[in-house]
Amino acid sequence: MKKLFTFLITILFIGITVPSATAVENEIVVITETTHRNFDGLFRDDLLAQSLAPTGRLGELIYVPIKTNRIWVIDPALVDEVTAMTNKYSLVNKTPGVGSDIALSWITQLRYVTSRNQVIALAYGNPDIKLAKRLAPSELKMYFSYGNESLSKNLIRLVSTRPSFTPTKTVSRLNNSQRISYTKNRQRLTELSRVVEDAELKALRAKLAILLSPSLNRENRNYFSLQAIKAVKNEVGKLSVNEGKYRLTSAQVKVPVTVTNKYPVPVTVDLWLTPDNFKVYTPNIREITIAANSKLQLSMDVSVVAPGNTTIQAQLTDSKGNDVGESAMLSLNLTVIDSRVAWFTTGAAIILFLAAVAQSVRRIRRSKK
């Protein structure tokens, strides 16, 4: 009886301890890649197609049997690029891409092989988290939220986000001038986002995160930093005030000013008008709504105070007075005099004339003595 009891205790102990001793840890699969697509949507090269093939680096990661103990950590920007390749796409040298079928197969396999596993979305573009926190902590939150939304859409399932998870210890080598450029471009797009709700604008804002990616070598950092400047300039130019030159011949005049909106949504802004001197006065124009893909001509009320030349800086702003986009310069040539100035000038002339007469009289009197 004692031996039987000892045997049962031993079996129970083995039954409890064996599973923990043989438990299999989760396999973490990280899927990231240096971007191959410019900010304008064109692909810099077609090397990504080679990597997506079953024998390529990215292909070997997913063309594997399904396992239940995997965790997938994925850069949503990469999946966005692959998704873009599933349709007809072009390279910067104007030749068509040849990887559409490979990309479609890769996306299909990725959805299949991850279907039973947890998927973690990295911040969009896989930026250096520490650098992003230092340069733009609020924007980093956007990179995470946009990445989660994008990856969920492309995989047709819900994914999770872990801001504390970093797939690599390498850091971005972005130099100081490139960091300044990134910050300026980010700020310009953020300003624009306050008044424009547009998917392409949001996508460009998120794609700036690739500039902070540790995977970029020096050549790529230089290349994509310049590409970002061009892309942001083009984006900001979609909402603008047309510059112009005007000749004013009246003391009170309405000057036509044109505002252009190339976005597919209506935009409401204010227009701040700042003369560079006191020769004119013009009030700001509030709550201007420009219809989608259209131009709107406004009437700028100008009161001329003195003749000469002046330049008015026309700046679009949001409702709180924050600048939106680039300012425009309106050059005015003033050939009229305000009535108040005319009276003042005339009065001064009369006084000078009387003073001259008085001086002449005094001279005549002195000469007679």
Protein backbone atom coordinates (compact mmCIF):
# COMPACT_ATOMS: atom_id res chain seq x y z
CA MET A 1 0.00 0.00 0.00
CA LYS A 2 2.83 2.35 0.87
CA LYS A 3 4.56 1.58 -2.45
CA LEU A 4 1.33 2.25 -4.35
CA PHE A 5 0.90 5.59 -2.60
CA THR A 6 4.49 6.56 -3.41
CA PHE A 7 3.96 5.58 -7.06
CA LEU A 8 0.80 7.71 -7.37
CA ILE A 9 2.54 10.71 -5.82
CA THR A 10 5.41 10.32 -8.28
CA ILE A 11 3.05 10.12 -11.26
CA LEU A 12 1.15 13.18 -10.03
CA PHE A 13 4.39 15.12 -9.63
CA ILE A 14 5.54 14.17 -13.12
CA GLY A 15 2.14 15.07 -14.56
CA ILE A 16 2.34 18.52 -13.05
CA THR A 17 5.94 19.37 -13.79
CA VAL A 18 6.48 17.89 -17.24
CA PRO A 19 4.30 20.38 -19.18
CA SER A 20 6.07 23.38 -17.67
CA ALA A 21 9.45 21.85 -18.40
CA THR A 22 8.57 21.13 -22.01
CA ALA A 23 6.48 24.23 -22.69
CA VAL A 24 7.34 25.80 -26.04
CA GLU A 25 8.03 29.52 -26.09
CA ASN A 26 6.38 31.75 -28.67
CA GLU A 27 8.33 32.31 -31.85
CA ILE A 28 8.55 36.00 -32.72
CA VAL A 29 8.73 36.80 -36.43
CA VAL A 30 9.68 40.38 -37.31
CA ILE A 31 8.80 41.59 -40.81
CA THR A 32 10.39 44.90 -41.77
CA GLU A 33 12.11 46.24 -44.86
CA THR A 34 13.74 49.44 -46.03
CA THR A 35 11.21 51.35 -48.09
CA HIS A 36 11.41 51.10 -51.88
CA ARG A 37 8.67 53.62 -52.67
CA ASN A 38 8.98 57.38 -53.02
CA PHE A 39 6.62 59.81 -51.34
CA ASP A 40 4.83 60.36 -54.65
CA GLY A 41 3.93 56.67 -54.90
CA LEU A 42 6.48 55.70 -57.55
CA PHE A 43 8.85 52.86 -56.73
CA ARG A 44 12.54 53.63 -56.63
CA ASP A 45 13.38 50.13 -57.88
CA ASP A 46 11.84 46.68 -58.22
CA LEU A 47 14.04 44.91 -55.68
CA LEU A 48 11.14 44.40 -53.30
CA ALA A 49 9.59 41.93 -55.75
CA GLN A 50 12.68 39.73 -55.48
CA SER A 51 12.51 39.77 -51.70
CA LEU A 52 8.81 38.81 -51.74
CA ALA A 53 9.40 35.65 -53.78
CA PRO A 54 9.25 32.35 -51.84
CA THR A 55 13.05 32.15 -51.97
CA GLY A 56 13.55 35.82 -51.07
CA ARG A 57 14.21 37.19 -47.58
CA LEU A 58 10.63 38.30 -46.94
CA GLY A 59 9.21 35.26 -48.69
CA GLU A 60 11.12 32.81 -46.51
CA LEU A 61 9.55 34.41 -43.42
CA ILE A 62 5.97 33.60 -44.40
CA TYR A 63 6.04 30.63 -46.76
CA VAL A 64 6.14 28.28 -43.78
CA PRO A 65 3.66 25.91 -42.12
CA ILE A 66 1.16 27.42 -39.71
CA LYS A 67 2.08 27.30 -36.03
CA THR A 68 -0.02 28.38 -33.10
CA ASN A 69 2.90 29.63 -31.04
CA ARG A 70 4.01 32.50 -33.30
CA ILE A 71 3.79 36.24 -32.74
CA TRP A 72 4.12 38.39 -35.84
CA VAL A 73 5.63 41.87 -35.54
CA ILE A 74 5.06 43.79 -38.77
CA ASP A 75 5.82 47.22 -40.19
CA PRO A 76 2.52 48.45 -41.68
CA ALA A 77 4.36 50.65 -44.19
CA LEU A 78 5.91 47.56 -45.78
CA VAL A 79 2.52 45.88 -46.14
CA ASP A 80 1.18 49.11 -47.66
CA GLU A 81 3.95 49.01 -50.26
CA VAL A 82 3.27 45.38 -51.09
CA THR A 83 -0.46 46.10 -51.36
CA ALA A 84 0.30 48.95 -53.78
CA MET A 85 2.32 46.50 -55.88
CA THR A 86 -0.65 44.15 -56.29
CA ASN A 87 -2.05 46.62 -58.83
CA LYS A 88 -0.18 48.09 -61.77
CA TYR A 89 2.69 50.20 -60.48
CA SER A 90 5.51 52.21 -62.01
CA LEU A 91 9.16 52.86 -61.26
CA VAL A 92 10.79 56.28 -61.18
CA ASN A 93 12.46 55.51 -64.51
CA LYS A 94 8.94 55.31 -66.02
CA THR A 95 9.08 51.55 -66.60
CA PRO A 96 6.24 49.35 -65.32
CA GLY A 97 6.83 47.16 -62.28
CA VAL A 98 6.84 43.39 -62.78
CA GLY A 99 6.07 42.16 -59.27
CA SER A 100 2.27 42.41 -59.09
CA ASP A 101 1.63 38.65 -59.05
CA ILE A 102 4.43 38.03 -56.56
CA ALA A 103 3.07 40.77 -54.30
CA LEU A 104 -0.47 39.39 -54.45
CA SER A 105 0.75 35.90 -53.56
CA TRP A 106 2.80 37.28 -50.66
CA ILE A 107 -0.11 39.26 -49.21
CA THR A 108 -2.41 36.26 -49.55
CA GLN A 109 0.09 34.00 -47.80
CA LEU A 110 0.69 36.57 -45.05
CA ARG A 111 -3.02 36.69 -44.27
CA TYR A 112 -3.17 32.90 -44.19
CA VAL A 113 -0.06 32.17 -42.14
CA THR A 114 -0.89 34.80 -39.50
CA SER A 115 -4.56 33.89 -39.20
CA ARG A 116 -4.14 31.90 -35.95
CA ASN A 117 -1.53 34.12 -34.36
CA GLN A 118 -1.22 37.43 -32.63
CA VAL A 119 -0.11 40.24 -34.93
CA ILE A 120 1.58 43.35 -33.55
CA ALA A 121 1.71 46.48 -35.68
CA LEU A 122 4.86 48.54 -35.35
CA ALA A 123 4.72 52.31 -35.63
CA TYR A 124 4.20 53.13 -39.30
CA GLY A 125 7.53 53.15 -41.13
CA ASN A 126 9.34 51.48 -38.21
CA PRO A 127 10.93 54.69 -36.86
CA ASP A 128 13.57 54.91 -34.16
CA ILE A 129 11.22 55.18 -31.17
CA LYS A 130 13.62 57.13 -28.95
CA LEU A 131 14.35 59.64 -31.69
CA ALA A 132 10.67 60.00 -32.54
CA LYS A 133 9.85 60.64 -28.89
CA ARG A 134 12.49 63.33 -28.77
CA LEU A 135 11.53 65.06 -32.02
CA ALA A 136 7.76 64.60 -32.06
CA PRO A 137 6.10 62.63 -29.25
CA SER A 138 2.58 63.52 -30.37
CA GLU A 139 3.38 62.50 -33.93
CA LEU A 140 4.70 59.14 -32.72
CA LYS A 141 1.23 58.40 -31.33
CA MET A 142 -0.15 59.10 -34.78
CA TYR A 143 2.40 56.70 -36.34
CA PHE A 144 1.20 53.94 -34.02
CA SER A 145 -2.51 54.58 -34.54
CA TYR A 146 -2.17 54.97 -38.30
CA GLY A 147 -0.03 51.84 -38.49
CA ASN A 148 -2.60 49.81 -36.58
CA GLU A 149 -5.40 51.06 -38.80
CA SER A 150 -3.44 50.42 -41.99
CA LEU A 151 -2.28 46.91 -41.09
CA SER A 152 -5.74 45.89 -39.88
CA LYS A 153 -7.18 47.01 -43.20
CA ASN A 154 -4.60 45.17 -45.31
CA LEU A 155 -4.75 41.93 -43.32
CA ILE A 156 -8.55 42.13 -43.00
CA ARG A 157 -8.39 41.47 -39.26
CA LEU A 158 -7.73 43.22 -35.98
CA VAL A 159 -4.13 43.64 -34.89
CA SER A 160 -2.59 44.92 -31.67
CA THR A 161 -0.06 47.62 -30.87
CA ARG A 162 2.69 47.59 -28.26
CA PRO A 163 4.51 50.94 -28.12
CA SER A 164 7.01 49.49 -25.64
CA PHE A 165 8.11 46.75 -28.06
CA THR A 166 11.18 47.53 -30.17
CA PRO A 167 12.26 44.90 -32.72
CA THR A 168 15.83 46.15 -32.93
CA LYS A 169 18.37 48.05 -30.84
CA THR A 170 19.83 49.89 -33.82
CA VAL A 171 19.24 53.64 -34.00
CA SER A 172 18.61 56.17 -36.73
CA ARG A 173 21.65 57.98 -38.14
CA LEU A 174 19.69 60.99 -39.33
CA ASN A 175 22.00 64.00 -39.15
CA ASN A 176 21.11 67.33 -37.58
CA SER A 177 20.12 69.14 -40.79
CA GLN A 178 17.94 66.20 -41.80
CA ARG A 179 16.27 66.22 -38.40
CA ILE A 180 15.53 69.93 -38.78
CA SER A 181 14.12 69.28 -42.25
CA TYR A 182 11.96 66.44 -40.93
CA THR A 183 10.63 68.65 -38.14
CA LYS A 184 9.74 71.50 -40.50
CA ASN A 185 8.00 69.17 -42.94
CA ARG A 186 6.12 67.44 -40.14
CA GLN A 187 4.95 70.76 -38.73
CA ARG A 188 3.73 71.97 -42.13
CA LEU A 189 1.65 68.84 -42.64
CA THR A 190 0.32 68.99 -39.09
CA GLU A 191 -0.79 72.60 -39.67
CA LEU A 192 -2.52 71.56 -42.87
CA SER A 193 -4.23 68.64 -41.13
CA ARG A 194 -6.00 71.08 -38.80
CA VAL A 195 -8.19 72.32 -41.65
CA VAL A 196 -8.07 69.47 -44.19
CA GLU A 197 -9.49 65.96 -43.71
CA ASP A 198 -7.90 64.04 -46.57
CA ALA A 199 -6.64 60.46 -46.79
CA GLU A 200 -3.64 61.29 -48.98
CA LEU A 201 -2.55 64.07 -46.65
CA LYS A 202 -2.80 61.72 -43.68
CA ALA A 203 -0.84 59.03 -45.53
CA LEU A 204 1.95 61.46 -46.40
CA ARG A 205 2.09 62.67 -42.82
CA ALA A 206 2.51 59.06 -41.63
CA LYS A 207 5.06 58.22 -44.32
CA LEU A 208 7.43 60.88 -42.97
CA ALA A 209 8.15 58.35 -40.22
CA ILE A 210 10.34 56.35 -42.60
CA LEU A 211 12.91 59.15 -42.38
CA LEU A 212 13.50 58.10 -38.77
CA SER A 213 13.94 54.42 -39.60
CA PRO A 214 17.19 52.79 -38.43
CA SER A 215 17.20 50.71 -41.62
CA LEU A 216 18.11 53.67 -43.84
CA ASN A 217 21.74 53.91 -44.84
CA ARG A 218 23.40 57.23 -45.66
CA GLU A 219 22.40 57.15 -49.32
CA ASN A 220 18.78 56.36 -48.47
CA ARG A 221 18.65 59.03 -45.78
CA ASN A 222 19.86 61.67 -48.22
CA TYR A 223 17.59 60.47 -50.99
CA PHE A 224 14.37 60.20 -49.02
CA SER A 225 14.99 63.43 -47.10
CA LEU A 226 15.08 65.31 -50.41
CA GLN A 227 12.05 63.40 -51.67
CA ALA A 228 10.15 64.38 -48.53
CA ILE A 229 10.87 68.08 -49.07
CA LYS A 230 9.48 67.90 -52.61
CA ALA A 231 6.42 65.92 -51.56
CA VAL A 232 5.54 68.25 -48.69
CA LYS A 233 5.99 71.34 -50.85
CA ASN A 234 3.63 69.87 -53.43
CA GLU A 235 1.11 68.91 -50.74
CA VAL A 236 1.13 72.31 -49.06
CA GLY A 237 0.66 73.96 -52.46
CA LYS A 238 -2.75 72.33 -52.82
CA LEU A 239 -4.19 75.03 -50.55
CA SER A 240 -2.86 78.46 -51.42
CA VAL A 241 -3.42 82.16 -52.05
CA ASN A 242 -2.50 83.35 -55.53
CA GLU A 243 0.09 86.10 -55.59
CA GLY A 244 -0.61 89.24 -57.62
CA LYS A 245 0.30 92.82 -58.50
CA TYR A 246 -2.25 95.62 -58.32
CA ARG A 247 -2.39 99.33 -59.19
CA LEU A 248 -4.79 101.28 -57.00
CA THR A 249 -6.20 104.62 -58.15
CA SER A 250 -8.89 105.12 -55.51
CA ALA A 251 -8.74 105.79 -51.80
CA GLN A 252 -11.19 102.97 -51.12
CA VAL A 253 -11.01 99.90 -53.32
CA LYS A 254 -11.89 96.20 -53.35
CA VAL A 255 -8.97 94.11 -54.56
CA PRO A 256 -9.70 90.61 -55.96
CA VAL A 257 -7.75 87.83 -54.24
CA THR A 258 -7.96 84.19 -55.35
CA VAL A 259 -7.69 81.21 -53.00
CA THR A 260 -7.14 77.74 -54.50
CA ASN A 261 -8.20 74.42 -52.97
CA LYS A 262 -7.00 71.31 -54.83
CA TYR A 263 -8.26 68.91 -52.17
CA PRO A 264 -11.30 66.69 -52.82
CA VAL A 265 -12.99 68.13 -49.71
CA PRO A 266 -14.19 71.64 -48.82
CA VAL A 267 -11.86 73.64 -46.59
CA THR A 268 -12.67 76.48 -44.17
CA VAL A 269 -9.92 78.94 -43.26
CA ASP A 270 -9.26 82.56 -42.30
CA LEU A 271 -7.15 84.96 -44.35
CA TRP A 272 -4.80 87.25 -42.45
CA LEU A 273 -3.61 90.31 -44.36
CA THR A 274 -0.52 92.12 -43.07
CA PRO A 275 0.85 95.21 -44.91
CA ASP A 276 4.58 95.87 -44.65
CA ASN A 277 3.99 99.58 -43.94
CA PHE A 278 1.25 102.04 -42.91
CA LYS A 279 0.32 103.25 -46.39
CA VAL A 280 -2.74 101.01 -46.52
CA TYR A 281 -5.19 99.43 -44.14
CA THR A 282 -7.03 96.18 -44.85
CA PRO A 283 -9.02 93.95 -42.47
CA ASN A 284 -8.62 90.18 -42.21
CA ILE A 285 -11.21 87.95 -43.87
CA ARG A 286 -12.81 85.34 -41.61
CA GLU A 287 -14.41 81.93 -42.17
CA ILE A 288 -13.74 81.42 -45.85
CA THR A 289 -15.05 78.11 -47.21
CA ILE A 290 -13.51 76.94 -50.48
CA ALA A 291 -15.33 74.13 -52.22
CA ALA A 292 -13.50 70.93 -53.14
CA ASN A 293 -11.22 71.17 -56.18
CA SER A 294 -12.06 74.80 -56.84
CA LYS A 295 -10.94 78.41 -56.72
CA LEU A 296 -12.65 81.20 -54.80
CA GLN A 297 -12.25 84.90 -55.54
CA LEU A 298 -12.44 87.15 -52.51
CA SER A 299 -12.75 90.94 -52.22
CA MET A 300 -10.02 92.48 -50.11
CA ASP A 301 -11.09 95.90 -48.78
CA VAL A 302 -8.16 98.29 -49.02
CA SER A 303 -8.04 101.83 -47.63
CA VAL A 304 -5.19 103.90 -49.04
CA VAL A 305 -3.54 106.24 -46.55
CA ALA A 306 -0.50 107.42 -48.51
CA PRO A 307 0.89 107.02 -52.04
CA GLY A 308 3.77 104.74 -52.93
CA ASN A 309 4.31 101.00 -52.93
CA THR A 310 3.42 98.41 -50.34
CA THR A 311 3.29 94.65 -50.03
CA ILE A 312 0.61 92.73 -48.16
CA GLN A 313 1.41 89.30 -46.77
CA ALA A 314 -1.61 87.04 -47.25
CA GLN A 315 -1.55 84.06 -44.90
CA LEU A 316 -4.20 81.37 -44.52
CA THR A 317 -4.81 80.29 -40.91
CA ASP A 318 -7.08 78.02 -38.94
CA SER A 319 -9.77 79.41 -36.64
CA LYS A 320 -7.20 79.84 -33.85
CA GLY A 321 -4.82 81.90 -35.95
CA ASN A 322 -2.29 79.14 -36.61
CA ASP A 323 -0.62 79.44 -40.02
CA VAL A 324 -1.69 77.00 -42.71
CA GLY A 325 0.52 76.59 -45.77
CA GLU A 326 2.72 79.20 -47.41
CA SER A 327 2.00 82.92 -47.38
CA ALA A 328 1.54 84.90 -50.61
CA MET A 329 2.74 88.41 -51.40
CA LEU A 330 0.31 90.94 -52.87
CA SER A 331 2.15 93.94 -54.37
CA LEU A 332 0.26 97.26 -54.44
CA ASN A 333 1.16 100.43 -56.34
CA LEU A 334 -0.68 103.35 -54.75
CA THR A 335 -1.27 106.45 -56.88
CA VAL A 336 -3.93 108.17 -54.78
CA ILE A 337 -3.84 110.12 -51.54
CA ASP A 338 -6.33 109.67 -48.76
CA SER A 339 -8.41 112.85 -48.13
CA ARG A 340 -7.05 113.10 -44.59
CA VAL A 341 -3.52 113.13 -45.90
CA ALA A 342 -4.51 115.65 -48.58
CA TRP A 343 -5.90 118.06 -45.95
CA PHE A 344 -2.80 117.59 -43.83
CA THR A 345 -0.48 118.17 -46.80
CA THR A 346 -2.45 121.22 -47.95
CA GLY A 347 -2.46 122.69 -44.45
CA ALA A 348 1.27 122.17 -44.15
CA ALA A 349 1.81 123.86 -47.52
CA ILE A 350 -0.27 126.88 -46.46
CA ILE A 351 1.69 127.22 -43.23
CA LEU A 352 4.98 127.06 -45.12
CA PHE A 353 3.71 129.64 -47.62
CA LEU A 354 2.63 132.05 -44.87
CA ALA A 355 5.96 131.57 -43.12
CA ALA A 356 7.78 132.40 -46.33
CA VAL A 357 5.65 135.53 -46.84
CA ALA A 358 6.30 136.67 -43.27
CA GLN A 359 10.02 136.16 -43.72
CA SER A 360 9.96 138.18 -46.94
CA VAL A 361 8.10 141.02 -45.23
CA ARG A 362 10.66 141.11 -42.44
CA ARG A 363 13.48 141.28 -44.97
CA ILE A 364 11.82 144.18 -46.78
CA ARG A 365 11.35 146.08 -43.53
CA ARG A 366 14.97 145.54 -42.52
CA SER A 367 16.18 146.72 -45.91
CA LYS A 368 14.27 150.03 -45.52
CA LYS A 369 15.91 150.84 -42.20
